């Protein structure tokens, strides 16, 4: 079983571009916008990992995002196995293994207390 480090953090923001500017000024994070399925996705990269991005608040994605819904992504070598193990421990899969073209794969579950947790495998881990 591989290491299960936090590899990505998503912070909800009603204005992702403004949030990116705020955190860049506050912490000196590097900021970059990239195209996403619902518009620009603003990412941050601190001096050390993990990095992350700013999720738009609202119902525009696969699930509603509210302020305070910070989302962690945990590295795994096998998303399908991790989701199955999480379910065997009382979790519920929210998103099956899904490709992020050119980057890797992700999935999501809710733990028994209702927290959403993402799992991620980089294409570099597989290749």
Foldseek 3Di string as FASTA:
>chain_A
DDFWAFAEKEAEDQDFVVVLVVCCVVQVWDWDWDADPVGTWIWTDHPDDDTYTYHHAAQPDLGGDDHVLMETEIEDLDQVVVQVVQVVVPKAWPAGWDDDPPFWTKTWIAHNVGRIYMYTYGVVSVD
